[in-house]
C-alpha atoms as a PDB file:
ATOM      1  CA  UNK A   1       4.097 -25.797   9.511  1.00  0.00           C
ATOM      2  CA  UNK A   2       7.126 -26.725  11.616  1.00  0.00           C
ATOM      3  CA  UNK A   3       9.605 -24.210  10.247  1.00  0.00           C
ATOM      4  CA  UNK A   4       9.314 -20.609   9.146  1.00  0.00           C
ATOM      5  CA  UNK A   5       9.990 -18.617   6.014  1.00  0.00           C
ATOM      6  CA  UNK A   6      10.460 -14.891   6.165  1.00  0.00           C
ATOM      7  CA  UNK A   7      11.473 -12.052   3.895  1.00  0.00           C
ATOM      8  CA  UNK A   8      14.328  -9.780   4.884  1.00  0.00           C
ATOM      9  CA  UNK A   9      14.736  -6.574   2.921  1.00  0.00           C
ATOM     10  CA  UNK A  10      18.395  -5.617   2.978  1.00  0.00           C
ATOM     11  CA  UNK A  11      21.873  -7.127   3.096  1.00  0.00           C
ATOM     12  CA  UNK A  12      21.776 -10.875   3.735  1.00  0.00           C
ATOM     13  CA  UNK A  13      24.973 -10.567   5.789  1.00  0.00           C
ATOM     14  CA  UNK A  14      22.934  -8.666   8.397  1.00  0.00           C
ATOM     15  CA  UNK A  15      20.729 -11.718   9.071  1.00  0.00           C
ATOM     16  CA  UNK A  16      21.655 -13.750  12.151  1.00  0.00           C
ATOM     17  CA  UNK A  17      21.744 -17.389  11.024  1.00  0.00           C
ATOM     18  CA  UNK A  18      23.824 -20.556  10.849  1.00  0.00           C
ATOM     19  CA  UNK A  19      24.415 -20.526   7.081  1.00  0.00           C
ATOM     20  CA  UNK A  20      24.632 -17.810   4.437  1.00  0.00           C
ATOM     21  CA  UNK A  21      24.005 -18.864   0.843  1.00  0.00           C
ATOM     22  CA  UNK A  22      26.318 -17.384  -1.747  1.00  0.00           C
ATOM     23  CA  UNK A  23      25.024 -17.083  -5.303  1.00  0.00           C
ATOM     24  CA  UNK A  24      28.411 -18.057  -6.697  1.00  0.00           C
ATOM     25  CA  UNK A  25      29.879 -18.681 -10.118  1.00  0.00           C
ATOM     26  CA  UNK A  26      31.331 -22.097 -10.919  1.00  0.00           C
ATOM     27  CA  UNK A  27      34.919 -20.991 -10.194  1.00  0.00           C
ATOM     28  CA  UNK A  28      33.962 -20.028  -6.604  1.00  0.00           C
ATOM     29  CA  UNK A  29      36.597 -17.291  -6.829  1.00  0.00           C
ATOM     30  CA  UNK A  30      34.266 -14.355  -6.323  1.00  0.00           C
ATOM     31  CA  UNK A  31      32.526 -12.068  -8.761  1.00  0.00           C
ATOM     32  CA  UNK A  32      29.964  -9.315  -8.675  1.00  0.00           C
ATOM     33  CA  UNK A  33      26.772  -8.818  -6.693  1.00  0.00           C
ATOM     34  CA  UNK A  34      26.171 -11.093  -3.710  1.00  0.00           C
ATOM     35  CA  UNK A  35      29.220 -13.211  -4.552  1.00  0.00           C
ATOM     36  CA  UNK A  36      31.552 -10.210  -4.504  1.00  0.00           C
ATOM     37  CA  UNK A  37      30.026  -8.846  -1.297  1.00  0.00           C
ATOM     38  CA  UNK A  38      30.425 -12.180   0.509  1.00  0.00           C
ATOM     39  CA  UNK A  39      34.017 -12.609  -0.647  1.00  0.00           C
ATOM     40  CA  UNK A  40      34.825  -9.052   0.394  1.00  0.00           C
ATOM     41  CA  UNK A  41      33.276  -9.476   3.849  1.00  0.00           C
ATOM     42  CA  UNK A  42      34.770 -12.926   4.460  1.00  0.00           C
ATOM     43  CA  UNK A  43      38.291 -11.895   3.463  1.00  0.00           C
ATOM     44  CA  UNK A  44      41.069 -13.536   1.433  1.00  0.00           C
ATOM     45  CA  UNK A  45      40.862 -16.815   3.365  1.00  0.00           C
ATOM     46  CA  UNK A  46      37.583 -17.534   1.599  1.00  0.00           C
ATOM     47  CA  UNK A  47      39.191 -17.626  -1.828  1.00  0.00           C
ATOM     48  CA  UNK A  48      41.831 -20.051  -0.574  1.00  0.00           C
ATOM     49  CA  UNK A  49      39.150 -22.283   0.981  1.00  0.00           C
ATOM     50  CA  UNK A  50      37.145 -22.253  -2.269  1.00  0.00           C
ATOM     51  CA  UNK A  51      40.036 -23.085  -4.593  1.00  0.00           C
ATOM     52  CA  UNK A  52      40.051 -26.887  -3.977  1.00  0.00           C
ATOM     53  CA  UNK A  53      36.222 -27.034  -4.110  1.00  0.00           C
ATOM     54  CA  UNK A  54      35.934 -25.656  -7.656  1.00  0.00           C
ATOM     55  CA  UNK A  55      34.452 -26.067 -10.102  1.00  0.00           C
ATOM     56  CA  UNK A  56      30.952 -26.189  -8.679  1.00  0.00           C
ATOM     57  CA  UNK A  57      28.343 -27.336 -11.221  1.00  0.00           C
ATOM     58  CA  UNK A  58      25.040 -25.494 -11.511  1.00  0.00           C
ATOM     59  CA  UNK A  59      22.572 -26.574  -8.835  1.00  0.00           C
ATOM     60  CA  UNK A  60      25.139 -28.094  -6.480  1.00  0.00           C
ATOM     61  CA  UNK A  61      26.500 -26.723  -3.192  1.00  0.00           C
ATOM     62  CA  UNK A  62      29.980 -26.381  -1.691  1.00  0.00           C
ATOM     63  CA  UNK A  63      30.510 -25.391   1.950  1.00  0.00           C
ATOM     64  CA  UNK A  64      33.212 -23.255   3.574  1.00  0.00           C
ATOM     65  CA  UNK A  65      33.749 -21.507   6.852  1.00  0.00           C
ATOM     66  CA  UNK A  66      32.524 -17.931   7.043  1.00  0.00           C
ATOM     67  CA  UNK A  67      35.886 -16.442   8.035  1.00  0.00           C
ATOM     68  CA  UNK A  68      35.267 -12.687   8.419  1.00  0.00           C
ATOM     69  CA  UNK A  69      31.468 -12.991   8.517  1.00  0.00           C
ATOM     70  CA  UNK A  70      31.248 -14.283  12.076  1.00  0.00           C
ATOM     71  CA  UNK A  71      30.567 -17.838  13.176  1.00  0.00           C
ATOM     72  CA  UNK A  72      28.590 -18.912  10.144  1.00  0.00           C
ATOM     73  CA  UNK A  73      29.098 -21.276   7.263  1.00  0.00           C
ATOM     74  CA  UNK A  74      28.872 -20.200   3.645  1.00  0.00           C
ATOM     75  CA  UNK A  75      26.918 -22.451   1.296  1.00  0.00           C
ATOM     76  CA  UNK A  76      28.096 -21.661  -2.242  1.00  0.00           C
ATOM     77  CA  UNK A  77      25.631 -22.586  -4.976  1.00  0.00           C
ATOM     78  CA  UNK A  78      25.650 -21.814  -8.693  1.00  0.00           C
ATOM     79  CA  UNK A  79      22.314 -20.819 -10.141  1.00  0.00           C
ATOM     80  CA  UNK A  80      21.266 -21.299 -13.745  1.00  0.00           C
ATOM     81  CA  UNK A  81      21.640 -18.683 -16.435  1.00  0.00           C
ATOM     82  CA  UNK A  82      18.189 -17.817 -17.815  1.00  0.00           C
ATOM     83  CA  UNK A  83      17.927 -19.041 -21.420  1.00  0.00           C
ATOM     84  CA  UNK A  84      14.200 -18.571 -21.947  1.00  0.00           C
ATOM     85  CA  UNK A  85      12.829 -21.088 -19.464  1.00  0.00           C
ATOM     86  CA  UNK A  86      12.898 -24.213 -21.606  1.00  0.00           C
ATOM     87  CA  UNK A  87      16.447 -25.342 -20.802  1.00  0.00           C
ATOM     88  CA  UNK A  88      15.741 -26.856 -17.388  1.00  0.00           C
ATOM     89  CA  UNK A  89      16.300 -23.583 -15.541  1.00  0.00           C
ATOM     90  CA  UNK A  90      13.502 -24.141 -12.993  1.00  0.00           C
ATOM     91  CA  UNK A  91      14.807 -27.599 -12.064  1.00  0.00           C
ATOM     92  CA  UNK A  92      18.360 -26.281 -11.692  1.00  0.00           C
ATOM     93  CA  UNK A  93      17.211 -23.345  -9.575  1.00  0.00           C
ATOM     94  CA  UNK A  94      15.158 -25.666  -7.377  1.00  0.00           C
ATOM     95  CA  UNK A  95      18.264 -27.862  -6.997  1.00  0.00           C
ATOM     96  CA  UNK A  96      20.187 -24.862  -5.607  1.00  0.00           C
ATOM     97  CA  UNK A  97      17.652 -24.427  -2.817  1.00  0.00           C
ATOM     98  CA  UNK A  98      17.174 -28.170  -2.271  1.00  0.00           C
ATOM     99  CA  UNK A  99      20.880 -28.945  -1.982  1.00  0.00           C
ATOM    100  CA  UNK A 100      21.452 -26.044   0.418  1.00  0.00           C
ATOM    101  CA  UNK A 101      18.521 -27.082   2.611  1.00  0.00           C
ATOM    102  CA  UNK A 102      19.621 -30.723   2.532  1.00  0.00           C
ATOM    103  CA  UNK A 103      23.085 -29.609   3.667  1.00  0.00           C
ATOM    104  CA  UNK A 104      21.588 -27.486   6.451  1.00  0.00           C
ATOM    105  CA  UNK A 105      19.672 -30.470   7.796  1.00  0.00           C
ATOM    106  CA  UNK A 106      22.599 -32.862   7.307  1.00  0.00           C
ATOM    107  CA  UNK A 107      24.746 -30.590   9.469  1.00  0.00           C
ATOM    108  CA  UNK A 108      21.946 -30.312  12.064  1.00  0.00           C
ATOM    109  CA  UNK A 109      21.772 -26.534  11.673  1.00  0.00           C
ATOM    110  CA  UNK A 110      18.525 -24.618  12.007  1.00  0.00           C
ATOM    111  CA  UNK A 111      18.722 -21.307  10.146  1.00  0.00           C
ATOM    112  CA  UNK A 112      19.722 -20.159   6.679  1.00  0.00           C
ATOM    113  CA  UNK A 113      19.529 -17.019   4.556  1.00  0.00           C
ATOM    114  CA  UNK A 114      19.231 -17.100   0.767  1.00  0.00           C
ATOM    115  CA  UNK A 115      19.791 -14.311  -1.742  1.00  0.00           C
ATOM    116  CA  UNK A 116      17.573 -14.185  -4.830  1.00  0.00           C
ATOM    117  CA  UNK A 117      19.644 -16.772  -6.715  1.00  0.00           C
ATOM    118  CA  UNK A 118      20.145 -16.152 -10.471  1.00  0.00           C
ATOM    119  CA  UNK A 119      18.102 -12.923 -10.593  1.00  0.00           C
ATOM    120  CA  UNK A 120      21.076 -10.607 -11.117  1.00  0.00           C
ATOM    121  CA  UNK A 121      23.627 -11.117 -13.873  1.00  0.00           C
ATOM    122  CA  UNK A 122      22.157 -14.547 -14.722  1.00  0.00           C
ATOM    123  CA  UNK A 123      18.889 -12.890 -15.784  1.00  0.00           C
ATOM    124  CA  UNK A 124      16.305 -15.186 -14.185  1.00  0.00           C
ATOM    125  CA  UNK A 125      12.915 -13.379 -14.137  1.00  0.00           C
ATOM    126  CA  UNK A 126      12.167 -12.181 -10.615  1.00  0.00           C
ATOM    127  CA  UNK A 127       8.632 -13.546 -10.209  1.00  0.00           C
ATOM    128  CA  UNK A 128       9.540 -16.983 -11.562  1.00  0.00           C
ATOM    129  CA  UNK A 129      12.662 -17.177  -9.373  1.00  0.00           C
ATOM    130  CA  UNK A 130      10.707 -16.112  -6.292  1.00  0.00           C
ATOM    131  CA  UNK A 131       8.083 -18.768  -7.012  1.00  0.00           C
ATOM    132  CA  UNK A 132      10.708 -21.527  -7.194  1.00  0.00           C
ATOM    133  CA  UNK A 133      12.399 -20.263  -4.008  1.00  0.00           C
ATOM    134  CA  UNK A 134       9.217 -20.019  -1.957  1.00  0.00           C
ATOM    135  CA  UNK A 135       7.737 -23.328  -3.150  1.00  0.00           C
ATOM    136  CA  UNK A 136      10.963 -25.230  -2.456  1.00  0.00           C
ATOM    137  CA  UNK A 137      11.492 -23.597   0.938  1.00  0.00           C
ATOM    138  CA  UNK A 138       7.862 -24.237   1.953  1.00  0.00           C
ATOM    139  CA  UNK A 139       8.334 -27.950   1.320  1.00  0.00           C
ATOM    140  CA  UNK A 140      11.269 -28.018   3.746  1.00  0.00           C
ATOM    141  CA  UNK A 141       9.650 -25.759   6.339  1.00  0.00           C
ATOM    142  CA  UNK A 142       6.611 -28.051   6.402  1.00  0.00           C
ATOM    143  CA  UNK A 143       8.703 -30.982   7.606  1.00  0.00           C
ATOM    144  CA  UNK A 144      11.657 -29.500   9.475  1.00  0.00           C
ATOM    145  CA  UNK A 145      11.987 -27.042  12.338  1.00  0.00           C
ATOM    146  CA  UNK A 146      14.163 -24.584  10.439  1.00  0.00           C
ATOM    147  CA  UNK A 147      14.184 -20.835   9.948  1.00  0.00           C
ATOM    148  CA  UNK A 148      14.532 -19.810   6.313  1.00  0.00           C
ATOM    149  CA  UNK A 149      15.112 -16.189   5.371  1.00  0.00           C
ATOM    150  CA  UNK A 150      14.808 -14.983   1.797  1.00  0.00           C
ATOM    151  CA  UNK A 151      16.802 -11.792   1.501  1.00  0.00           C
ATOM    152  CA  UNK A 152      15.958  -9.133  -1.056  1.00  0.00           C
ATOM    153  CA  UNK A 153      18.551  -6.441  -1.608  1.00  0.00           C
ATOM    154  CA  UNK A 154      16.211  -4.294  -3.718  1.00  0.00           C
ATOM    155  CA  UNK A 155      12.530  -3.411  -3.919  1.00  0.00           C
ATOM    156  CA  UNK A 156      11.894  -5.414  -7.095  1.00  0.00           C
ATOM    157  CA  UNK A 157      13.088  -8.682  -5.545  1.00  0.00           C
ATOM    158  CA  UNK A 158      11.223  -7.903  -2.317  1.00  0.00           C
ATOM    159  CA  UNK A 159       7.983  -7.394  -4.269  1.00  0.00           C
ATOM    160  CA  UNK A 160       8.473 -10.670  -6.147  1.00  0.00           C
ATOM    161  CA  UNK A 161       9.159 -12.625  -2.935  1.00  0.00           C
ATOM    162  CA  UNK A 162       6.190 -11.032  -1.139  1.00  0.00           C
ATOM    163  CA  UNK A 163       3.969 -12.016  -4.059  1.00  0.00           C
ATOM    164  CA  UNK A 164       5.201 -15.617  -3.948  1.00  0.00           C
ATOM    165  CA  UNK A 165       4.788 -15.800  -0.176  1.00  0.00           C
ATOM    166  CA  UNK A 166       1.145 -14.738  -0.543  1.00  0.00           C
ATOM    167  CA  UNK A 167       0.394 -17.542  -3.019  1.00  0.00           C
ATOM    168  CA  UNK A 168      -1.132 -20.680  -1.499  1.00  0.00           C
END
């Protein structure tokens, strides 16, 4: 494996990296959870930078400066709302990770931190979401010298990610 994948238990804004992924809503204007925390930390300039980039369709990525969160970029991606698993949710969630990792490589950056996309208000089951995240990130780490951090803000997400990381 060229790159690495690691779990970080805590606030993703504490991870030193080139890009922070924001689990955004399509308006990109902030919200609750990770999205609200990133907007709060980055400051009001973030909302102004996001305004012309909206709406962001599910699975795509939009990029802004980090403003108040140091010299990092913010990759805004909109995860799928869980509707039972038969509405293309896994493909859309994979697209979130894929598009962010593609953007990382396109910009010749080497490190990124992801939250557990869609597992909060969007209701994606933790174990399934962790499986999609780890599988997608492993594919990229196998072919690129990048450092991928999967951040878990709570014990339940950390347990799900650890379980997925221990799967072959």
